[in-house]
Amino acid sequence: MKKFLLFIITNTFLLQNSYASSTKYGYGDLNLSDFVVDNFIRYIKGGHSEAPYLFAVAADGKQFQYYICSAGLNNCGGGDEQILEECNSYSRKDGGKGNCKIFARLRTIKWDNGSSRNKKIKSKWSDAEIREKLKEYNLYGLAASKSKNSEKISDQLEKLNSLFKSGAISEAEFKKAKNKILNN
């Protein structure tokens, strides 16, 4: 009985932590503005004393915040919640809704739109090559109508996430509904 109870408690803790860490990364359609892409390129090309660490972006693709690591690549940790708060603040000041999520960690895209998750961006690529990769991953240069659709999807995903966090739906129902939204 003790083993079973320990098993339940451990799995509950791990499930909550894995869900909490997965929600800080962005998902769904995203159309980055030229302003954000220009700064993402600056972030990617940082040298050793300005190694890329975290890049957060608002769901509307119009605002961002990034952190560099002066100690070098892979030598920094933490800051996830702080960067999201700062990004949300900048977005709201700019007239946006906020709703920032982590777009990239180091030089790896973490945003999941079905074709972009865990794609690496190389600092040696030209600006044009980076822009082309972002277009290839459907993150940049999309038509305006797709951007409006992206806002609807983002709103739907936020509502779904709220339902899950409040306990109104189970994790299985959350995953099923999320896949339905993302695949339509």
N, C-alpha and C. Protein backbone atom coordinates (compact mmCIF):
# COMPACT_ATOMS: atom_id res chain seq x y z
N MET A 1 0.81 -1.18 0.00
CA MET A 1 0.00 0.00 0.00
C MET A 1 0.87 1.26 0.00
N LYS A 2 1.94 1.25 0.80
CA LYS A 2 2.83 2.39 0.86
C LYS A 2 3.50 2.64 -0.49
N LYS A 3 3.89 1.55 -1.17
CA LYS A 3 4.53 1.68 -2.48
C LYS A 3 3.55 2.29 -3.47
N PHE A 4 2.31 1.83 -3.41
CA PHE A 4 1.29 2.34 -4.34
C PHE A 4 1.06 3.83 -4.10
N LEU A 5 0.95 4.22 -2.84
CA LEU A 5 0.74 5.63 -2.50
C LEU A 5 1.94 6.47 -2.93
N LEU A 6 3.14 6.00 -2.71
CA LEU A 6 4.35 6.69 -3.14
C LEU A 6 4.36 6.83 -4.66
N PHE A 7 3.96 5.77 -5.36
CA PHE A 7 3.89 5.78 -6.82
C PHE A 7 2.92 6.86 -7.30
N ILE A 8 1.75 6.95 -6.71
CA ILE A 8 0.73 7.94 -7.09
C ILE A 8 1.25 9.35 -6.84
N ILE A 9 1.83 9.60 -5.68
CA ILE A 9 2.32 10.92 -5.34
C ILE A 9 3.45 11.33 -6.29
N THR A 10 4.38 10.43 -6.55
CA THR A 10 5.50 10.71 -7.45
C THR A 10 5.01 11.03 -8.85
N ASN A 11 4.10 10.22 -9.38
CA ASN A 11 3.59 10.45 -10.73
C ASN A 11 2.81 11.75 -10.82
N THR A 12 2.04 12.06 -9.79
CA THR A 12 1.29 13.32 -9.79
C THR A 12 2.26 14.50 -9.83
N PHE A 13 3.30 14.45 -9.02
CA PHE A 13 4.30 15.52 -8.99
C PHE A 13 4.99 15.65 -10.34
N LEU A 14 5.41 14.55 -10.92
CA LEU A 14 6.09 14.59 -12.22
C LEU A 14 5.18 15.09 -13.32
N LEU A 15 3.92 14.68 -13.30
CA LEU A 15 2.96 15.12 -14.31
C LEU A 15 2.74 16.62 -14.21
N GLN A 16 2.59 17.13 -13.01
CA GLN A 16 2.38 18.57 -12.83
C GLN A 16 3.60 19.35 -13.29
N ASN A 17 4.80 18.87 -12.96
CA ASN A 17 6.01 19.57 -13.38
C ASN A 17 6.21 19.52 -14.88
N SER A 18 5.93 18.39 -15.50
CA SER A 18 6.12 18.30 -16.94
C SER A 18 5.10 19.17 -17.66
N TYR A 19 3.87 19.25 -17.13
CA TYR A 19 2.88 20.12 -17.76
C TYR A 19 3.27 21.58 -17.57
N ALA A 20 3.71 21.94 -16.37
CA ALA A 20 4.07 23.33 -16.10
C ALA A 20 5.21 23.77 -16.99
N SER A 21 6.21 22.90 -17.20
CA SER A 21 7.33 23.30 -18.02
C SER A 21 6.95 23.34 -19.49
N SER A 22 5.97 22.55 -19.91
CA SER A 22 5.61 22.54 -21.32
C SER A 22 4.76 23.76 -21.69
N THR A 23 4.08 24.37 -20.74
CA THR A 23 3.20 25.49 -21.08
C THR A 23 3.96 26.80 -21.24
N LYS A 24 5.22 26.88 -20.84
CA LYS A 24 5.97 28.11 -21.02
C LYS A 24 6.44 28.26 -22.46
N TYR A 25 6.48 27.15 -23.20
CA TYR A 25 6.85 27.20 -24.61
C TYR A 25 5.62 27.49 -25.45
N GLY A 26 5.82 28.31 -26.49
CA GLY A 26 4.71 28.68 -27.35
C GLY A 26 4.26 27.54 -28.25
N TYR A 27 3.00 27.62 -28.67
CA TYR A 27 2.44 26.62 -29.58
C TYR A 27 1.37 27.28 -30.42
N GLY A 28 1.10 26.69 -31.57
CA GLY A 28 0.10 27.22 -32.48
C GLY A 28 0.73 28.10 -33.55
N ASP A 29 -0.11 28.65 -34.40
CA ASP A 29 0.36 29.51 -35.47
C ASP A 29 1.02 30.77 -34.92
N LEU A 30 2.04 31.23 -35.62
CA LEU A 30 2.75 32.44 -35.23
C LEU A 30 3.27 33.11 -36.49
N ASN A 31 3.09 34.40 -36.59
CA ASN A 31 3.61 35.17 -37.72
C ASN A 31 4.46 36.30 -37.15
N LEU A 32 5.78 36.10 -37.14
CA LEU A 32 6.69 37.09 -36.57
C LEU A 32 6.76 38.34 -37.44
N SER A 33 6.77 39.50 -36.79
CA SER A 33 6.92 40.77 -37.51
C SER A 33 8.38 40.94 -37.93
N ASP A 34 8.61 41.84 -38.87
CA ASP A 34 9.99 42.14 -39.30
C ASP A 34 10.82 42.61 -38.11
N PHE A 35 10.21 43.42 -37.24
CA PHE A 35 10.89 43.93 -36.05
C PHE A 35 11.38 42.78 -35.17
N VAL A 36 10.53 41.80 -34.93
CA VAL A 36 10.91 40.66 -34.09
C VAL A 36 11.96 39.81 -34.78
N VAL A 37 11.80 39.58 -36.09
CA VAL A 37 12.78 38.76 -36.82
C VAL A 37 14.15 39.43 -36.81
N ASP A 38 14.21 40.75 -37.02
CA ASP A 38 15.49 41.47 -36.97
C ASP A 38 16.18 41.26 -35.63
N ASN A 39 15.42 41.31 -34.56
CA ASN A 39 16.00 41.13 -33.22
C ASN A 39 16.31 39.66 -32.93
N PHE A 40 15.53 38.74 -33.49
CA PHE A 40 15.85 37.33 -33.34
C PHE A 40 17.19 37.02 -34.01
N ILE A 41 17.44 37.61 -35.17
CA ILE A 41 18.71 37.42 -35.86
C ILE A 41 19.85 37.97 -35.02
N ARG A 42 19.66 39.15 -34.43
CA ARG A 42 20.67 39.73 -33.54
C ARG A 42 20.95 38.79 -32.37
N TYR A 43 19.88 38.24 -31.81
CA TYR A 43 19.99 37.27 -30.70
C TYR A 43 20.79 36.04 -31.13
N ILE A 44 20.45 35.46 -32.26
CA ILE A 44 21.11 34.24 -32.75
C ILE A 44 22.59 34.45 -32.99
N LYS A 45 22.96 35.61 -33.51
CA LYS A 45 24.33 35.86 -33.92
C LYS A 45 25.24 36.33 -32.79
N GLY A 46 24.72 36.36 -31.57
CA GLY A 46 25.56 36.77 -30.44
C GLY A 46 26.79 35.91 -30.32
N GLY A 47 27.92 36.53 -30.03
CA GLY A 47 29.18 35.80 -29.87
C GLY A 47 29.28 35.18 -28.48
N HIS A 48 30.49 34.79 -28.10
CA HIS A 48 30.70 34.11 -26.82
C HIS A 48 30.24 34.97 -25.64
N SER A 49 30.56 36.25 -25.65
CA SER A 49 30.19 37.10 -24.52
C SER A 49 28.73 37.55 -24.59
N GLU A 50 28.06 37.24 -25.70
CA GLU A 50 26.63 37.55 -25.85
C GLU A 50 25.91 36.31 -26.39
N ALA A 51 26.20 35.17 -25.78
CA ALA A 51 25.61 33.90 -26.23
C ALA A 51 24.10 33.92 -26.02
N PRO A 52 23.33 33.47 -27.02
CA PRO A 52 21.88 33.45 -26.86
C PRO A 52 21.45 32.52 -25.73
N TYR A 53 20.50 32.98 -24.93
CA TYR A 53 20.00 32.14 -23.84
C TYR A 53 18.50 31.89 -23.98
N LEU A 54 17.66 32.93 -23.93
CA LEU A 54 16.21 32.78 -24.05
C LEU A 54 15.65 33.87 -24.97
N PHE A 55 14.67 33.50 -25.78
CA PHE A 55 13.98 34.47 -26.63
C PHE A 55 12.49 34.20 -26.46
N ALA A 56 11.76 35.21 -25.96
CA ALA A 56 10.31 35.09 -25.78
C ALA A 56 9.62 36.00 -26.78
N VAL A 57 8.44 35.60 -27.21
CA VAL A 57 7.69 36.40 -28.18
C VAL A 57 6.21 36.40 -27.81
N ALA A 58 5.55 37.53 -28.12
CA ALA A 58 4.10 37.63 -27.90
C ALA A 58 3.38 36.80 -28.95
N ALA A 59 2.21 36.29 -28.62
CA ALA A 59 1.44 35.43 -29.52
C ALA A 59 1.07 36.12 -30.82
N ASP A 60 1.00 37.47 -30.81
CA ASP A 60 0.70 38.18 -32.05
C ASP A 60 1.94 38.39 -32.92
N GLY A 61 3.12 37.99 -32.40
CA GLY A 61 4.36 38.07 -33.17
C GLY A 61 4.96 39.45 -33.30
N LYS A 62 4.44 40.42 -32.52
CA LYS A 62 4.86 41.81 -32.71
C LYS A 62 5.81 42.33 -31.63
N GLN A 63 6.00 41.58 -30.56
CA GLN A 63 6.87 42.04 -29.48
C GLN A 63 7.68 40.86 -28.97
N PHE A 64 8.80 41.16 -28.32
CA PHE A 64 9.73 40.11 -27.88
C PHE A 64 10.51 40.60 -26.67
N GLN A 65 11.25 39.69 -26.11
CA GLN A 65 12.28 39.99 -25.12
C GLN A 65 13.30 38.87 -25.23
N TYR A 66 14.59 39.21 -25.10
CA TYR A 66 15.57 38.12 -25.09
C TYR A 66 16.63 38.36 -24.05
N TYR A 67 17.21 37.24 -23.61
CA TYR A 67 18.31 37.26 -22.66
C TYR A 67 19.52 36.64 -23.33
N ILE A 68 20.67 37.21 -23.03
CA ILE A 68 21.93 36.62 -23.47
C ILE A 68 22.67 36.11 -22.23
N CYS A 69 23.68 35.30 -22.47
CA CYS A 69 24.47 34.76 -21.37
C CYS A 69 25.92 35.19 -21.58
N SER A 70 26.39 36.11 -20.77
CA SER A 70 27.77 36.61 -20.92
C SER A 70 28.80 35.56 -20.53
N ALA A 71 28.38 34.52 -19.83
CA ALA A 71 29.30 33.45 -19.43
C ALA A 71 29.50 32.42 -20.55
N GLY A 72 28.77 32.58 -21.66
CA GLY A 72 28.93 31.66 -22.78
C GLY A 72 27.76 30.69 -22.89
N LEU A 73 27.66 30.09 -24.06
CA LEU A 73 26.59 29.14 -24.37
C LEU A 73 26.53 28.01 -23.34
N ASN A 74 25.33 27.67 -22.89
CA ASN A 74 25.08 26.58 -21.92
C ASN A 74 25.60 26.87 -20.51
N ASN A 75 25.89 28.12 -20.20
CA ASN A 75 26.41 28.44 -18.87
C ASN A 75 25.45 29.26 -18.02
N CYS A 76 24.20 29.40 -18.44
CA CYS A 76 23.22 30.16 -17.68
C CYS A 76 21.99 29.30 -17.43
N GLY A 77 21.22 29.66 -16.44
CA GLY A 77 20.00 28.92 -16.12
C GLY A 77 18.95 29.84 -15.52
N GLY A 78 17.71 29.35 -15.47
CA GLY A 78 16.62 30.12 -14.87
C GLY A 78 16.16 31.25 -15.77
N GLY A 79 15.33 32.13 -15.21
CA GLY A 79 14.89 33.31 -15.92
C GLY A 79 13.65 33.15 -16.77
N ASP A 80 13.08 31.94 -16.84
CA ASP A 80 11.93 31.70 -17.71
C ASP A 80 10.74 32.58 -17.35
N GLU A 81 10.37 32.62 -16.09
CA GLU A 81 9.21 33.40 -15.68
C GLU A 81 9.46 34.89 -15.85
N GLN A 82 10.66 35.33 -15.52
CA GLN A 82 11.00 36.75 -15.61
C GLN A 82 10.95 37.25 -17.05
N ILE A 83 11.47 36.48 -17.99
CA ILE A 83 11.47 36.92 -19.39
C ILE A 83 10.04 37.01 -19.92
N LEU A 84 9.17 36.10 -19.49
CA LEU A 84 7.78 36.14 -19.93
C LEU A 84 7.07 37.37 -19.37
N GLU A 85 7.33 37.70 -18.11
CA GLU A 85 6.74 38.90 -17.51
C GLU A 85 7.19 40.16 -18.24
N GLU A 86 8.48 40.25 -18.55
CA GLU A 86 9.01 41.42 -19.24
C GLU A 86 8.44 41.52 -20.65
N CYS A 87 8.37 40.42 -21.36
CA CYS A 87 7.81 40.40 -22.71
C CYS A 87 6.35 40.83 -22.68
N ASN A 88 5.58 40.30 -21.74
CA ASN A 88 4.17 40.68 -21.61
C ASN A 88 4.03 42.19 -21.36
N SER A 89 4.89 42.73 -20.52
CA SER A 89 4.86 44.16 -20.21
C SER A 89 5.13 44.99 -21.47
N TYR A 90 6.17 44.62 -22.22
CA TYR A 90 6.48 45.35 -23.47
C TYR A 90 5.34 45.24 -24.46
N SER A 91 4.75 44.07 -24.56
CA SER A 91 3.66 43.86 -25.50
C SER A 91 2.46 44.74 -25.15
N ARG A 92 2.10 44.78 -23.88
CA ARG A 92 0.95 45.59 -23.46
C ARG A 92 1.22 47.08 -23.67
N LYS A 93 2.45 47.52 -23.41
CA LYS A 93 2.80 48.92 -23.64
C LYS A 93 2.67 49.27 -25.12
N ASP A 94 2.90 48.27 -25.98
CA ASP A 94 2.84 48.47 -27.43
C ASP A 94 1.42 48.27 -27.97
N GLY A 95 0.44 48.03 -27.07
CA GLY A 95 -0.95 47.86 -27.49
C GLY A 95 -1.35 46.43 -27.76
N GLY A 96 -0.46 45.48 -27.48
CA GLY A 96 -0.77 44.06 -27.68
C GLY A 96 -1.44 43.46 -26.46
N LYS A 97 -1.73 42.17 -26.55
CA LYS A 97 -2.40 41.46 -25.46
C LYS A 97 -1.41 40.81 -24.50
N GLY A 98 -0.13 40.83 -24.84
CA GLY A 98 0.82 40.10 -24.01
C GLY A 98 0.85 38.67 -24.48
N ASN A 99 0.53 37.76 -23.59
CA ASN A 99 0.48 36.34 -23.91
C ASN A 99 1.79 35.85 -24.51
N CYS A 100 2.89 36.22 -23.89
CA CYS A 100 4.21 35.81 -24.37
C CYS A 100 4.53 34.39 -23.95
N LYS A 101 5.25 33.73 -24.80
CA LYS A 101 5.74 32.37 -24.53
C LYS A 101 7.19 32.30 -25.01
N ILE A 102 7.90 31.31 -24.54
CA ILE A 102 9.29 31.14 -24.97
C ILE A 102 9.30 30.62 -26.41
N PHE A 103 10.02 31.33 -27.25
CA PHE A 103 10.15 30.99 -28.67
C PHE A 103 11.40 30.16 -28.91
N ALA A 104 12.51 30.51 -28.25
CA ALA A 104 13.76 29.79 -28.45
C ALA A 104 14.56 29.74 -27.17
N ARG A 105 15.29 28.65 -27.02
CA ARG A 105 16.25 28.48 -25.94
C ARG A 105 17.58 28.18 -26.62
N LEU A 106 18.59 28.98 -26.29
CA LEU A 106 19.87 28.92 -26.99
C LEU A 106 19.60 29.19 -28.47
N ARG A 107 20.02 28.32 -29.36
CA ARG A 107 19.75 28.52 -30.79
C ARG A 107 18.76 27.50 -31.32
N THR A 108 17.88 27.04 -30.44
CA THR A 108 16.88 26.04 -30.82
C THR A 108 15.49 26.63 -30.64
N ILE A 109 14.69 26.58 -31.71
CA ILE A 109 13.31 27.06 -31.64
C ILE A 109 12.51 26.07 -30.80
N LYS A 110 11.78 26.59 -29.83
CA LYS A 110 10.94 25.76 -28.97
C LYS A 110 9.45 25.93 -29.27
N TRP A 111 9.10 26.94 -30.05
CA TRP A 111 7.70 27.18 -30.43
C TRP A 111 7.23 25.99 -31.26
N ASP A 112 6.05 25.47 -30.94
CA ASP A 112 5.53 24.29 -31.65
C ASP A 112 4.31 24.66 -32.47
N ASN A 113 4.51 24.80 -33.77
CA ASN A 113 3.39 25.05 -34.67
C ASN A 113 3.16 23.84 -35.59
N GLY A 114 3.79 22.73 -35.26
CA GLY A 114 3.67 21.53 -36.07
C GLY A 114 4.85 21.32 -37.01
N SER A 115 5.62 22.37 -37.27
CA SER A 115 6.78 22.21 -38.15
C SER A 115 8.03 22.90 -37.64
N SER A 116 7.96 23.52 -36.47
CA SER A 116 9.10 24.32 -36.01
C SER A 116 9.79 23.81 -34.75
N ARG A 117 9.17 22.96 -33.99
CA ARG A 117 9.69 22.56 -32.67
C ARG A 117 11.06 21.89 -32.77
N ASN A 118 11.99 22.37 -31.95
CA ASN A 118 13.35 21.84 -31.82
C ASN A 118 14.19 21.97 -33.08
N LYS A 119 13.89 22.97 -33.91
CA LYS A 119 14.71 23.26 -35.09
C LYS A 119 15.86 24.17 -34.66
N LYS A 120 17.05 23.84 -35.08
CA LYS A 120 18.24 24.61 -34.73
C LYS A 120 18.48 25.69 -35.78
N ILE A 121 18.92 26.86 -35.30
CA ILE A 121 19.28 27.97 -36.16
C ILE A 121 20.77 28.23 -35.94
N LYS A 122 21.54 28.23 -37.00
CA LYS A 122 23.00 28.38 -36.89
C LYS A 122 23.40 29.85 -36.96
N SER A 123 24.31 30.24 -36.08
CA SER A 123 24.76 31.63 -36.03
C SER A 123 25.55 32.02 -37.27
N LYS A 124 26.10 31.05 -37.98
CA LYS A 124 26.89 31.35 -39.18
C LYS A 124 26.03 31.60 -40.41
N TRP A 125 24.73 31.29 -40.31
CA TRP A 125 23.85 31.54 -41.44
C TRP A 125 23.72 33.04 -41.67
N SER A 126 23.51 33.43 -42.91
CA SER A 126 23.28 34.85 -43.23
C SER A 126 21.89 35.23 -42.73
N ASP A 127 21.65 36.53 -42.66
CA ASP A 127 20.33 37.03 -42.25
C ASP A 127 19.26 36.46 -43.18
N ALA A 128 19.55 36.44 -44.48
CA ALA A 128 18.58 35.93 -45.47
C ALA A 128 18.30 34.45 -45.24
N GLU A 129 19.33 33.67 -44.90
CA GLU A 129 19.13 32.24 -44.65
C GLU A 129 18.26 32.02 -43.41
N ILE A 130 18.47 32.82 -42.39
CA ILE A 130 17.65 32.69 -41.17
C ILE A 130 16.20 33.05 -41.49
N ARG A 131 16.00 34.12 -42.24
CA ARG A 131 14.63 34.50 -42.64
C ARG A 131 13.97 33.38 -43.44
N GLU A 132 14.70 32.78 -44.35
CA GLU A 132 14.15 31.68 -45.17
C GLU A 132 13.77 30.48 -44.30
N LYS A 133 14.61 30.17 -43.32
CA LYS A 133 14.28 29.06 -42.41
C LYS A 133 13.02 29.36 -41.62
N LEU A 134 12.89 30.61 -41.15
CA LEU A 134 11.68 30.98 -40.40
C LEU A 134 10.45 30.89 -41.30
N LYS A 135 10.59 31.23 -42.57
CA LYS A 135 9.48 31.09 -43.52
C LYS A 135 9.18 29.61 -43.76
N GLU A 136 10.22 28.81 -43.92
CA GLU A 136 10.07 27.37 -44.13
C GLU A 136 9.32 26.72 -42.96
N TYR A 137 9.58 27.20 -41.76
CA TYR A 137 8.93 26.67 -40.56
C TYR A 137 7.58 27.33 -40.29
N ASN A 138 7.09 28.15 -41.23
CA ASN A 138 5.80 28.84 -41.13
C ASN A 138 5.71 29.75 -39.90
N LEU A 139 6.79 30.48 -39.66
CA LEU A 139 6.84 31.40 -38.52
C LEU A 139 6.96 32.85 -38.95
N TYR A 140 7.15 33.08 -40.24
CA TYR A 140 7.43 34.44 -40.72
C TYR A 140 6.96 34.58 -42.17
N GLY A 141 6.46 35.79 -42.49
CA GLY A 141 6.08 36.08 -43.86
C GLY A 141 4.76 35.48 -44.29
N LEU A 142 3.87 35.22 -43.35
CA LEU A 142 2.58 34.63 -43.67
C LEU A 142 1.60 35.71 -44.09
N ALA A 143 0.59 35.32 -44.84
CA ALA A 143 -0.44 36.26 -45.29
C ALA A 143 -1.22 36.82 -44.10
N ALA A 144 -1.80 37.99 -44.26
CA ALA A 144 -2.53 38.66 -43.18
C ALA A 144 -3.70 37.83 -42.69
N SER A 145 -4.40 37.14 -43.60
CA SER A 145 -5.55 36.34 -43.18
C SER A 145 -5.12 35.20 -42.25
N LYS A 146 -3.94 34.66 -42.50
CA LYS A 146 -3.43 33.61 -41.62
C LYS A 146 -3.13 34.18 -40.24
N SER A 147 -2.68 35.44 -40.18
CA SER A 147 -2.39 36.08 -38.91
C SER A 147 -3.67 36.24 -38.07
N LYS A 148 -4.78 36.62 -38.69
CA LYS A 148 -6.06 36.73 -37.98
C LYS A 148 -6.47 35.36 -37.45
N ASN A 149 -6.30 34.32 -38.29
CA ASN A 149 -6.61 32.96 -37.89
C ASN A 149 -5.73 32.56 -36.72
N SER A 150 -4.47 32.99 -36.74
CA SER A 150 -3.53 32.68 -35.67
C SER A 150 -4.02 33.25 -34.34
N GLU A 151 -4.56 34.47 -34.37
CA GLU A 151 -5.08 35.07 -33.14
C GLU A 151 -6.25 34.26 -32.61
N LYS A 152 -7.13 33.78 -33.50
CA LYS A 152 -8.25 32.96 -33.07
C LYS A 152 -7.76 31.67 -32.44
N ILE A 153 -6.80 31.02 -33.09
CA ILE A 153 -6.25 29.77 -32.56
C ILE A 153 -5.59 30.01 -31.22
N SER A 154 -4.82 31.09 -31.13
CA SER A 154 -4.16 31.42 -29.87
C SER A 154 -5.18 31.62 -28.75
N ASP A 155 -6.26 32.34 -29.06
CA ASP A 155 -7.31 32.56 -28.06
C ASP A 155 -7.96 31.25 -27.64
N GLN A 156 -8.22 30.37 -28.63
CA GLN A 156 -8.82 29.07 -28.32
C GLN A 156 -7.90 28.25 -27.42
N LEU A 157 -6.60 28.26 -27.73
CA LEU A 157 -5.65 27.49 -26.94
C LEU A 157 -5.53 28.05 -25.52
N GLU A 158 -5.59 29.35 -25.38
CA GLU A 158 -5.54 29.95 -24.04
C GLU A 158 -6.77 29.56 -23.22
N LYS A 159 -7.94 29.58 -23.84
CA LYS A 159 -9.16 29.18 -23.14
C LYS A 159 -9.09 27.71 -22.73
N LEU A 160 -8.60 26.88 -23.66
CA LEU A 160 -8.44 25.46 -23.37
C LEU A 160 -7.46 25.24 -22.22
N ASN A 161 -6.36 25.98 -22.24
CA ASN A 161 -5.36 25.88 -21.18
C ASN A 161 -5.96 26.28 -19.83
N SER A 162 -6.79 27.32 -19.83
CA SER A 162 -7.45 27.76 -18.59
C SER A 162 -8.38 26.68 -18.05
N LEU A 163 -9.11 26.03 -18.95
CA LEU A 163 -10.00 24.94 -18.53
C LEU A 163 -9.21 23.81 -17.89
N PHE A 164 -8.08 23.48 -18.51
CA PHE A 164 -7.26 22.39 -17.98
C PHE A 164 -6.68 22.76 -16.61
N LYS A 165 -6.13 23.98 -16.50
CA LYS A 165 -5.53 24.42 -15.24
C LYS A 165 -6.56 24.46 -14.12
N SER A 166 -7.81 24.81 -14.46
CA SER A 166 -8.85 24.91 -13.43
C SER A 166 -9.39 23.53 -13.03
N GLY A 167 -9.03 22.50 -13.79
CA GLY A 167 -9.50 21.15 -13.48
C GLY A 167 -10.82 20.80 -14.15
N ALA A 168 -11.31 21.68 -15.01
CA ALA A 168 -12.60 21.44 -15.67
C ALA A 168 -12.51 20.31 -16.71
N ILE A 169 -11.31 20.11 -17.27
CA ILE A 169 -11.12 19.01 -18.22
C ILE A 169 -9.88 18.22 -17.82
N SER A 170 -9.84 16.97 -18.23
CA SER A 170 -8.70 16.10 -17.91
C SER A 170 -7.55 16.37 -18.87
N GLU A 171 -6.39 15.79 -18.57
CA GLU A 171 -5.24 15.95 -19.46
C GLU A 171 -5.51 15.32 -20.82
N ALA A 172 -6.17 14.17 -20.83
CA ALA A 172 -6.49 13.50 -22.10
C ALA A 172 -7.43 14.37 -22.94
N GLU A 173 -8.44 14.97 -22.29
CA GLU A 173 -9.35 15.86 -23.01
C GLU A 173 -8.62 17.10 -23.53
N PHE A 174 -7.69 17.63 -22.71
CA PHE A 174 -6.89 18.78 -23.10
C PHE A 174 -6.07 18.47 -24.34
N LYS A 175 -5.36 17.33 -24.33
CA LYS A 175 -4.50 16.96 -25.46
C LYS A 175 -5.33 16.73 -26.73
N LYS A 176 -6.47 16.08 -26.58
CA LYS A 176 -7.33 15.80 -27.74
C LYS A 176 -7.85 17.11 -28.34
N ALA A 177 -8.32 18.02 -27.49
CA ALA A 177 -8.85 19.30 -27.97
C ALA A 177 -7.74 20.16 -28.57
N LYS A 178 -6.55 20.13 -27.97
CA LYS A 178 -5.42 20.90 -28.48
C LYS A 178 -5.05 20.42 -29.88
N ASN A 179 -4.97 19.10 -30.05
CA ASN A 179 -4.64 18.56 -31.38
C ASN A 179 -5.71 18.93 -32.40
N LYS A 180 -6.96 18.93 -31.98
CA LYS A 180 -8.04 19.28 -32.89
C LYS A 180 -7.91 20.74 -33.35
N ILE A 181 -7.61 21.63 -32.42
CA ILE A 181 -7.44 23.05 -32.75
C ILE A 181 -6.26 23.25 -33.67
N LEU A 182 -5.12 22.62 -33.35
CA LEU A 182 -3.91 22.82 -34.13
C LEU A 182 -3.97 22.18 -35.52
N ASN A 183 -4.78 21.15 -35.68
CA ASN A 183 -4.84 20.44 -36.97
C ASN A 183 -5.98 20.90 -37.86
N ASN A 184 -6.73 21.91 -37.46
CA ASN A 184 -7.81 22.43 -38.30
C ASN A 184 -7.37 23.63 -39.08
